[in-house]
Amino acid sequence: AFAGGIIAPGVALGARSLTAAAARLPMIELRAPERVIG
């Protein structure tokens, strides 16, 4: 049976929200960086 699930913002939507909400944050290419600590 379909037991249910989870709905969350997608990765591209999350990135666009960051850029839209914070004036100094740029648009980014969605790729994994080489290290966690940017």
PDB file of all heavy atoms in Angstrom:
ATOM      1  N   ALA A   1       0.832  -1.204   0.000  1.00  0.00           N
ATOM      2  CA  ALA A   1       0.000   0.000   0.000  1.00  0.00           C
ATOM      3  C   ALA A   1       0.868   1.256   0.000  1.00  0.00           C
ATOM      4  O   ALA A   1       2.010   1.240   0.481  1.00  0.00           O
ATOM      5  CB  ALA A   1      -0.919   0.014   1.210  1.00  0.00           C
ATOM      6  N   PHE A   2       0.319   2.341  -0.542  1.00  0.00           N
ATOM      7  CA  PHE A   2       0.974   3.639  -0.469  1.00  0.00           C
ATOM      8  C   PHE A   2       0.804   4.157   0.958  1.00  0.00           C
ATOM      9  O   PHE A   2      -0.298   4.511   1.375  1.00  0.00           O
ATOM     10  CB  PHE A   2       0.355   4.606  -1.472  1.00  0.00           C
ATOM     11  CG  PHE A   2       0.942   5.994  -1.431  1.00  0.00           C
ATOM     12  CD1 PHE A   2       2.141   6.268  -2.067  1.00  0.00           C
ATOM     13  CD2 PHE A   2       0.291   7.024  -0.774  1.00  0.00           C
ATOM     14  CE1 PHE A   2       2.684   7.551  -2.029  1.00  0.00           C
ATOM     15  CE2 PHE A   2       0.820   8.304  -0.733  1.00  0.00           C
ATOM     16  CZ  PHE A   2       2.029   8.569  -1.361  1.00  0.00           C
ATOM     17  N   ALA A   3       1.901   4.184   1.711  1.00  0.00           N
ATOM     18  CA  ALA A   3       1.828   4.520   3.128  1.00  0.00           C
ATOM     19  C   ALA A   3       1.869   6.018   3.383  1.00  0.00           C
ATOM     20  O   ALA A   3       1.539   6.473   4.485  1.00  0.00           O
ATOM     21  CB  ALA A   3       2.974   3.843   3.878  1.00  0.00           C
ATOM     22  N   GLY A   4       2.262   6.792   2.390  1.00  0.00           N
ATOM     23  CA  GLY A   4       2.410   8.230   2.555  1.00  0.00           C
ATOM     24  C   GLY A   4       3.790   8.663   2.121  1.00  0.00           C
ATOM     25  O   GLY A   4       4.491   7.934   1.416  1.00  0.00           O
ATOM     26  N   GLY A   5       4.206   9.841   2.529  1.00  0.00           N
ATOM     27  CA  GLY A   5       5.513  10.293   2.097  1.00  0.00           C
ATOM     28  C   GLY A   5       5.907  11.641   2.663  1.00  0.00           C
ATOM     29  O   GLY A   5       5.365  12.101   3.669  1.00  0.00           O
ATOM     30  N   ILE A   6       6.861  12.268   2.006  1.00  0.00           N
ATOM     31  CA  ILE A   6       7.460  13.519   2.446  1.00  0.00           C
ATOM     32  C   ILE A   6       7.567  14.441   1.241  1.00  0.00           C
ATOM     33  O   ILE A   6       7.932  14.008   0.145  1.00  0.00           O
ATOM     34  CB  ILE A   6       8.866  13.262   3.038  1.00  0.00           C
ATOM     35  CG1 ILE A   6       8.762  12.347   4.272  1.00  0.00           C
ATOM     36  CG2 ILE A   6       9.572  14.567   3.379  1.00  0.00           C
ATOM     37  CD1 ILE A   6      10.080  11.729   4.665  1.00  0.00           C
ATOM     38  N   ILE A   7       7.267  15.723   1.439  1.00  0.00           N
ATOM     39  CA  ILE A   7       7.423  16.727   0.391  1.00  0.00           C
ATOM     40  C   ILE A   7       8.297  17.855   0.939  1.00  0.00           C
ATOM     41  O   ILE A   7       7.990  18.421   1.996  1.00  0.00           O
ATOM     42  CB  ILE A   7       6.066  17.298  -0.058  1.00  0.00           C
ATOM     43  CG1 ILE A   7       5.150  16.176  -0.563  1.00  0.00           C
ATOM     44  CG2 ILE A   7       6.255  18.349  -1.156  1.00  0.00           C
ATOM     45  CD1 ILE A   7       3.736  16.643  -0.892  1.00  0.00           C
ATOM     46  N   ALA A   8       9.383  18.164   0.241  1.00  0.00           N
ATOM     47  CA  ALA A   8      10.301  19.221   0.658  1.00  0.00           C
ATOM     48  C   ALA A   8      10.691  20.056  -0.559  1.00  0.00           C
ATOM     49  O   ALA A   8      10.516  19.622  -1.703  1.00  0.00           O
ATOM     50  CB  ALA A   8      11.544  18.603   1.301  1.00  0.00           C
ATOM     51  N   PRO A   9      11.220  21.259  -0.349  1.00  0.00           N
ATOM     52  CA  PRO A   9      11.682  22.055  -1.496  1.00  0.00           C
ATOM     53  C   PRO A   9      12.782  21.326  -2.252  1.00  0.00           C
ATOM     54  O   PRO A   9      13.652  20.687  -1.643  1.00  0.00           O
ATOM     55  CB  PRO A   9      12.222  23.339  -0.841  1.00  0.00           C
ATOM     56  CG  PRO A   9      11.594  23.396   0.501  1.00  0.00           C
ATOM     57  CD  PRO A   9      11.403  21.969   0.926  1.00  0.00           C
ATOM     58  N   GLY A  10      12.747  21.408  -3.563  1.00  0.00           N
ATOM     59  CA  GLY A  10      13.792  20.804  -4.376  1.00  0.00           C
ATOM     60  C   GLY A  10      15.090  21.589  -4.295  1.00  0.00           C
ATOM     61  O   GLY A  10      15.117  22.743  -3.857  1.00  0.00           O
ATOM     62  N   VAL A  11      16.179  20.976  -4.756  1.00  0.00           N
ATOM     63  CA  VAL A  11      17.492  21.601  -4.611  1.00  0.00           C
ATOM     64  C   VAL A  11      17.597  22.907  -5.403  1.00  0.00           C
ATOM     65  O   VAL A  11      18.135  23.901  -4.905  1.00  0.00           O
ATOM     66  CB  VAL A  11      18.604  20.599  -5.000  1.00  0.00           C
ATOM     67  CG1 VAL A  11      18.505  20.193  -6.459  1.00  0.00           C
ATOM     68  CG2 VAL A  11      19.979  21.176  -4.698  1.00  0.00           C
ATOM     69  N   ALA A  12      17.073  22.952  -6.619  1.00  0.00           N
ATOM     70  CA  ALA A  12      17.134  24.185  -7.405  1.00  0.00           C
ATOM     71  C   ALA A  12      16.271  25.279  -6.790  1.00  0.00           C
ATOM     72  O   ALA A  12      16.638  26.458  -6.783  1.00  0.00           O
ATOM     73  CB  ALA A  12      16.707  23.912  -8.845  1.00  0.00           C
ATOM     74  N   LEU A  13      15.116  24.887  -6.259  1.00  0.00           N
ATOM     75  CA  LEU A  13      14.236  25.844  -5.601  1.00  0.00           C
ATOM     76  C   LEU A  13      14.913  26.435  -4.366  1.00  0.00           C
ATOM     77  O   LEU A  13      14.832  27.639  -4.097  1.00  0.00           O
ATOM     78  CB  LEU A  13      12.926  25.167  -5.206  1.00  0.00           C
ATOM     79  CG  LEU A  13      11.874  26.029  -4.495  1.00  0.00           C
ATOM     80  CD1 LEU A  13      11.481  27.216  -5.355  1.00  0.00           C
ATOM     81  CD2 LEU A  13      10.652  25.186  -4.150  1.00  0.00           C
ATOM     82  N   GLY A  14      15.617  25.599  -3.622  1.00  0.00           N
ATOM     83  CA  GLY A  14      16.341  26.070  -2.456  1.00  0.00           C
ATOM     84  C   GLY A  14      17.419  27.073  -2.817  1.00  0.00           C
ATOM     85  O   GLY A  14      17.599  28.097  -2.148  1.00  0.00           O
ATOM     86  N   ALA A  15      18.137  26.795  -3.901  1.00  0.00           N
ATOM     87  CA  ALA A  15      19.192  27.710  -4.334  1.00  0.00           C
ATOM     88  C   ALA A  15      18.616  29.046  -4.784  1.00  0.00           C
ATOM     89  O   ALA A  15      19.151  30.117  -4.459  1.00  0.00           O
ATOM     90  CB  ALA A  15      19.990  27.072  -5.465  1.00  0.00           C
ATOM     91  N   ARG A  16      17.511  29.001  -5.528  1.00  0.00           N
ATOM     92  CA  ARG A  16      16.891  30.248  -5.979  1.00  0.00           C
ATOM     93  C   ARG A  16      16.347  31.053  -4.799  1.00  0.00           C
ATOM     94  O   ARG A  16      16.403  32.287  -4.804  1.00  0.00           O
ATOM     95  CB  ARG A  16      15.774  29.949  -6.978  1.00  0.00           C
ATOM     96  CG  ARG A  16      16.266  29.439  -8.322  1.00  0.00           C
ATOM     97  CD  ARG A  16      15.187  29.542  -9.381  1.00  0.00           C
ATOM     98  NE  ARG A  16      14.039  28.709  -9.084  1.00  0.00           N
ATOM     99  CZ  ARG A  16      13.906  27.439  -9.470  1.00  0.00           C
ATOM    100  NH1 ARG A  16      14.883  26.862 -10.165  1.00  0.00           N
ATOM    101  NH2 ARG A  16      12.819  26.750  -9.171  1.00  0.00           N
ATOM    102  N   SER A  17      15.828  30.376  -3.804  1.00  0.00           N
ATOM    103  CA  SER A  17      15.311  31.072  -2.627  1.00  0.00           C
ATOM    104  C   SER A  17      16.422  31.803  -1.886  1.00  0.00           C
ATOM    105  O   SER A  17      16.232  32.929  -1.407  1.00  0.00           O
ATOM    106  CB  SER A  17      14.627  30.070  -1.685  1.00  0.00           C
ATOM    107  OG  SER A  17      13.519  29.465  -2.302  1.00  0.00           O
ATOM    108  N   LEU A  18      17.594  31.183  -1.778  1.00  0.00           N
ATOM    109  CA  LEU A  18      18.731  31.838  -1.146  1.00  0.00           C
ATOM    110  C   LEU A  18      19.097  33.120  -1.873  1.00  0.00           C
ATOM    111  O   LEU A  18      19.291  34.177  -1.271  1.00  0.00           O
ATOM    112  CB  LEU A  18      19.939  30.902  -1.146  1.00  0.00           C
ATOM    113  CG  LEU A  18      20.155  29.970   0.036  1.00  0.00           C
ATOM    114  CD1 LEU A  18      21.417  29.155  -0.182  1.00  0.00           C
ATOM    115  CD2 LEU A  18      20.260  30.753   1.335  1.00  0.00           C
ATOM    116  N   THR A  19      19.192  33.029  -3.195  1.00  0.00           N
ATOM    117  CA  THR A  19      19.573  34.190  -4.001  1.00  0.00           C
ATOM    118  C   THR A  19      18.531  35.296  -3.916  1.00  0.00           C
ATOM    119  O   THR A  19      18.861  36.478  -3.845  1.00  0.00           O
ATOM    120  CB  THR A  19      19.773  33.768  -5.471  1.00  0.00           C
ATOM    121  OG1 THR A  19      20.785  32.748  -5.525  1.00  0.00           O
ATOM    122  CG2 THR A  19      20.203  34.936  -6.337  1.00  0.00           C
ATOM    123  N   ALA A  20      17.256  34.900  -3.914  1.00  0.00           N
ATOM    124  CA  ALA A  20      16.185  35.892  -3.878  1.00  0.00           C
ATOM    125  C   ALA A  20      16.099  36.583  -2.522  1.00  0.00           C
ATOM    126  O   ALA A  20      15.767  37.772  -2.442  1.00  0.00           O
ATOM    127  CB  ALA A  20      14.850  35.226  -4.208  1.00  0.00           C
ATOM    128  N   ALA A  21      16.398  35.870  -1.447  1.00  0.00           N
ATOM    129  CA  ALA A  21      16.207  36.417  -0.104  1.00  0.00           C
ATOM    130  C   ALA A  21      17.414  37.193   0.410  1.00  0.00           C
ATOM    131  O   ALA A  21      17.279  38.046   1.281  1.00  0.00           O
ATOM    132  CB  ALA A  21      15.874  35.289   0.866  1.00  0.00           C
ATOM    133  N   ALA A  22      18.593  36.889  -0.107  1.00  0.00           N
ATOM    134  CA  ALA A  22      19.813  37.536   0.375  1.00  0.00           C
ATOM    135  C   ALA A  22      20.483  38.265  -0.784  1.00  0.00           C
ATOM    136  O   ALA A  22      20.984  37.637  -1.724  1.00  0.00           O
ATOM    137  CB  ALA A  22      20.753  36.498   0.980  1.00  0.00           C
ATOM    138  N   ALA A  23      20.533  39.593  -0.708  1.00  0.00           N
ATOM    139  CA  ALA A  23      20.974  40.418  -1.839  1.00  0.00           C
ATOM    140  C   ALA A  23      22.412  40.136  -2.259  1.00  0.00           C
ATOM    141  O   ALA A  23      22.755  40.282  -3.434  1.00  0.00           O
ATOM    142  CB  ALA A  23      20.815  41.896  -1.482  1.00  0.00           C
ATOM    143  N   ARG A  24      23.251  39.719  -1.330  1.00  0.00           N
ATOM    144  CA  ARG A  24      24.668  39.541  -1.662  1.00  0.00           C
ATOM    145  C   ARG A  24      25.013  38.119  -2.105  1.00  0.00           C
ATOM    146  O   ARG A  24      26.157  37.833  -2.438  1.00  0.00           O
ATOM    147  CB  ARG A  24      25.535  39.925  -0.462  1.00  0.00           C
ATOM    148  CG  ARG A  24      25.414  41.399  -0.065  1.00  0.00           C
ATOM    149  CD  ARG A  24      26.441  41.772   0.977  1.00  0.00           C
ATOM    150  NE  ARG A  24      27.805  41.610   0.486  1.00  0.00           N
ATOM    151  CZ  ARG A  24      28.896  41.809   1.248  1.00  0.00           C
ATOM    152  NH1 ARG A  24      28.751  42.157   2.518  1.00  0.00           N
ATOM    153  NH2 ARG A  24      30.098  41.649   0.737  1.00  0.00           N
ATOM    154  N   LEU A  25      24.026  37.237  -2.098  1.00  0.00           N
ATOM    155  CA  LEU A  25      24.302  35.858  -2.498  1.00  0.00           C
ATOM    156  C   LEU A  25      24.031  35.681  -3.987  1.00  0.00           C
ATOM    157  O   LEU A  25      22.959  36.028  -4.468  1.00  0.00           O
ATOM    158  CB  LEU A  25      23.455  34.875  -1.685  1.00  0.00           C
ATOM    159  CG  LEU A  25      23.759  34.825  -0.186  1.00  0.00           C
ATOM    160  CD1 LEU A  25      22.907  33.766   0.486  1.00  0.00           C
ATOM    161  CD2 LEU A  25      25.245  34.553   0.063  1.00  0.00           C
ATOM    162  N   PRO A  26      24.995  35.134  -4.733  1.00  0.00           N
ATOM    163  CA  PRO A  26      24.850  34.991  -6.181  1.00  0.00           C
ATOM    164  C   PRO A  26      24.076  33.733  -6.557  1.00  0.00           C
ATOM    165  O   PRO A  26      23.848  32.843  -5.733  1.00  0.00           O
ATOM    166  CB  PRO A  26      26.299  34.876  -6.658  1.00  0.00           C
ATOM    167  CG  PRO A  26      26.977  34.149  -5.530  1.00  0.00           C
ATOM    168  CD  PRO A  26      26.323  34.672  -4.265  1.00  0.00           C
ATOM    169  N   MET A  27      23.665  33.656  -7.825  1.00  0.00           N
ATOM    170  CA  MET A  27      23.177  32.390  -8.354  1.00  0.00           C
ATOM    171  C   MET A  27      24.370  31.456  -8.502  1.00  0.00           C
ATOM    172  O   MET A  27      25.483  31.897  -8.793  1.00  0.00           O
ATOM    173  CB  MET A  27      22.487  32.595  -9.709  1.00  0.00           C
ATOM    174  CG  MET A  27      21.172  33.327  -9.622  1.00  0.00           C
ATOM    175  SD  MET A  27      20.268  33.335 -11.194  1.00  0.00           S
ATOM    176  CE  MET A  27      21.383  34.272 -12.233  1.00  0.00           C
ATOM    177  N   ILE A  28      24.138  30.183  -8.283  1.00  0.00           N
ATOM    178  CA  ILE A  28      25.236  29.215  -8.326  1.00  0.00           C
ATOM    179  C   ILE A  28      24.906  28.068  -9.269  1.00  0.00           C
ATOM    180  O   ILE A  28      23.742  27.784  -9.548  1.00  0.00           O
ATOM    181  CB  ILE A  28      25.537  28.637  -6.933  1.00  0.00           C
ATOM    182  CG1 ILE A  28      24.284  27.949  -6.350  1.00  0.00           C
ATOM    183  CG2 ILE A  28      26.071  29.698  -6.002  1.00  0.00           C
ATOM    184  CD1 ILE A  28      24.562  27.128  -5.097  1.00  0.00           C
ATOM    185  N   GLU A  29      25.952  27.422  -9.740  1.00  0.00           N
ATOM    186  CA  GLU A  29      25.790  26.170 -10.477  1.00  0.00           C
ATOM    187  C   GLU A  29      25.649  25.060  -9.441  1.00  0.00           C
ATOM    188  O   GLU A  29      26.412  24.988  -8.475  1.00  0.00           O
ATOM    189  CB  GLU A  29      27.003  25.917 -11.368  1.00  0.00           C
ATOM    190  CG  GLU A  29      26.847  24.694 -12.257  1.00  0.00           C
ATOM    191  CD  GLU A  29      28.042  24.507 -13.177  1.00  0.00           C
ATOM    192  OE1 GLU A  29      28.976  25.305 -13.102  1.00  0.00           O
ATOM    193  OE2 GLU A  29      28.017  23.529 -13.955  1.00  0.00           O
ATOM    194  N   LEU A  30      24.659  24.217  -9.657  1.00  0.00           N
ATOM    195  CA  LEU A  30      24.381  23.169  -8.669  1.00  0.00           C
ATOM    196  C   LEU A  30      25.299  21.977  -8.894  1.00  0.00           C
ATOM    197  O   LEU A  30      24.963  21.016  -9.572  1.00  0.00           O
ATOM    198  CB  LEU A  30      22.912  22.763  -8.733  1.00  0.00           C
ATOM    199  CG  LEU A  30      21.932  23.834  -8.268  1.00  0.00           C
ATOM    200  CD1 LEU A  30      20.510  23.328  -8.354  1.00  0.00           C
ATOM    201  CD2 LEU A  30      22.253  24.281  -6.861  1.00  0.00           C
ATOM    202  N   ARG A  31      26.465  22.055  -8.301  1.00  0.00           N
ATOM    203  CA  ARG A  31      27.414  20.943  -8.338  1.00  0.00           C
ATOM    204  C   ARG A  31      28.006  20.784  -6.944  1.00  0.00           C
ATOM    205  O   ARG A  31      28.095  21.747  -6.173  1.00  0.00           O
ATOM    206  CB  ARG A  31      28.507  21.168  -9.369  1.00  0.00           C
ATOM    207  CG  ARG A  31      29.418  22.340  -9.073  1.00  0.00           C
ATOM    208  CD  ARG A  31      30.624  22.340  -9.979  1.00  0.00           C
ATOM    209  NE  ARG A  31      30.267  22.542 -11.360  1.00  0.00           N
ATOM    210  CZ  ARG A  31      30.900  21.966 -12.387  1.00  0.00           C
ATOM    211  NH1 ARG A  31      31.875  21.130 -12.170  1.00  0.00           N
ATOM    212  NH2 ARG A  31      30.541  22.224 -13.617  1.00  0.00           N
ATOM    213  N   ALA A  32      28.397  19.581  -6.615  1.00  0.00           N
ATOM    214  CA  ALA A  32      28.982  19.335  -5.306  1.00  0.00           C
ATOM    215  C   ALA A  32      30.383  19.937  -5.252  1.00  0.00           C
ATOM    216  O   ALA A  32      31.187  19.736  -6.156  1.00  0.00           O
ATOM    217  CB  ALA A  32      29.046  17.836  -5.028  1.00  0.00           C
ATOM    218  N   PRO A  33      30.700  20.675  -4.202  1.00  0.00           N
ATOM    219  CA  PRO A  33      32.042  21.235  -4.072  1.00  0.00           C
ATOM    220  C   PRO A  33      33.045  20.153  -3.691  1.00  0.00           C
ATOM    221  O   PRO A  33      32.679  19.053  -3.297  1.00  0.00           O
ATOM    222  CB  PRO A  33      31.878  22.266  -2.952  1.00  0.00           C
ATOM    223  CG  PRO A  33      30.780  21.711  -2.110  1.00  0.00           C
ATOM    224  CD  PRO A  33      29.830  21.039  -3.076  1.00  0.00           C
ATOM    225  N   GLU A  34      34.335  20.503  -3.779  1.00  0.00           N
ATOM    226  CA  GLU A  34      35.374  19.522  -3.470  1.00  0.00           C
ATOM    227  C   GLU A  34      35.465  19.232  -1.981  1.00  0.00           C
ATOM    228  O   GLU A  34      35.928  18.175  -1.575  1.00  0.00           O
ATOM    229  CB  GLU A  34      36.729  20.014  -3.995  1.00  0.00           C
ATOM    230  CG  GLU A  34      36.784  20.098  -5.522  1.00  0.00           C
ATOM    231  CD  GLU A  34      38.134  20.567  -6.011  1.00  0.00           C
ATOM    232  OE1 GLU A  34      39.010  20.863  -5.160  1.00  0.00           O
ATOM    233  OE2 GLU A  34      38.326  20.647  -7.237  1.00  0.00           O
ATOM    234  N   ARG A  35      35.065  20.195  -1.163  1.00  0.00           N
ATOM    235  CA  ARG A  35      35.119  20.012   0.299  1.00  0.00           C
ATOM    236  C   ARG A  35      33.869  20.609   0.934  1.00  0.00           C
ATOM    237  O   ARG A  35      33.219  21.470   0.345  1.00  0.00           O
ATOM    238  CB  ARG A  35      36.382  20.651   0.874  1.00  0.00           C
ATOM    239  CG  ARG A  35      36.519  22.121   0.538  1.00  0.00           C
ATOM    240  CD  ARG A  35      37.820  22.701   1.084  1.00  0.00           C
ATOM    241  NE  ARG A  35      38.989  22.047   0.521  1.00  0.00           N
ATOM    242  CZ  ARG A  35      39.547  22.410  -0.640  1.00  0.00           C
ATOM    243  NH1 ARG A  35      39.017  23.412  -1.342  1.00  0.00           N
ATOM    244  NH2 ARG A  35      40.594  21.796  -1.096  1.00  0.00           N
ATOM    245  N   VAL A  36      33.546  20.144   2.114  1.00  0.00           N
ATOM    246  CA  VAL A  36      32.353  20.612   2.808  1.00  0.00           C
ATOM    247  C   VAL A  36      32.521  22.058   3.258  1.00  0.00           C
ATOM    248  O   VAL A  36      31.599  22.869   3.136  1.00  0.00           O
ATOM    249  CB  VAL A  36      32.043  19.713   4.028  1.00  0.00           C
ATOM    250  CG1 VAL A  36      30.868  20.276   4.829  1.00  0.00           C
ATOM    251  CG2 VAL A  36      31.731  18.289   3.574  1.00  0.00           C
ATOM    252  N   ILE A  37      33.695  22.392   3.773  1.00  0.00           N
ATOM    253  CA  ILE A  37      33.939  23.745   4.279  1.00  0.00           C
ATOM    254  C   ILE A  37      34.305  24.638   3.097  1.00  0.00           C
ATOM    255  O   ILE A  37      35.402  24.556   2.542  1.00  0.00           O
ATOM    256  CB  ILE A  37      35.063  23.756   5.333  1.00  0.00           C
ATOM    257  CG1 ILE A  37      34.703  22.833   6.503  1.00  0.00           C
ATOM    258  CG2 ILE A  37      35.302  25.179   5.843  1.00  0.00           C
ATOM    259  CD1 ILE A  37      35.830  22.641   7.505  1.00  0.00           C
ATOM    260  N   GLY A  38      33.357  25.483   2.695  1.00  0.00           N
ATOM    261  CA  GLY A  38      33.575  26.318   1.533  1.00  0.00           C
ATOM    262  C   GLY A  38      34.572  27.436   1.787  1.00  0.00           C
ATOM    263  O   GLY A  38      34.570  28.050   2.860  1.00  0.00           O
TER     264      GLY A  38
END
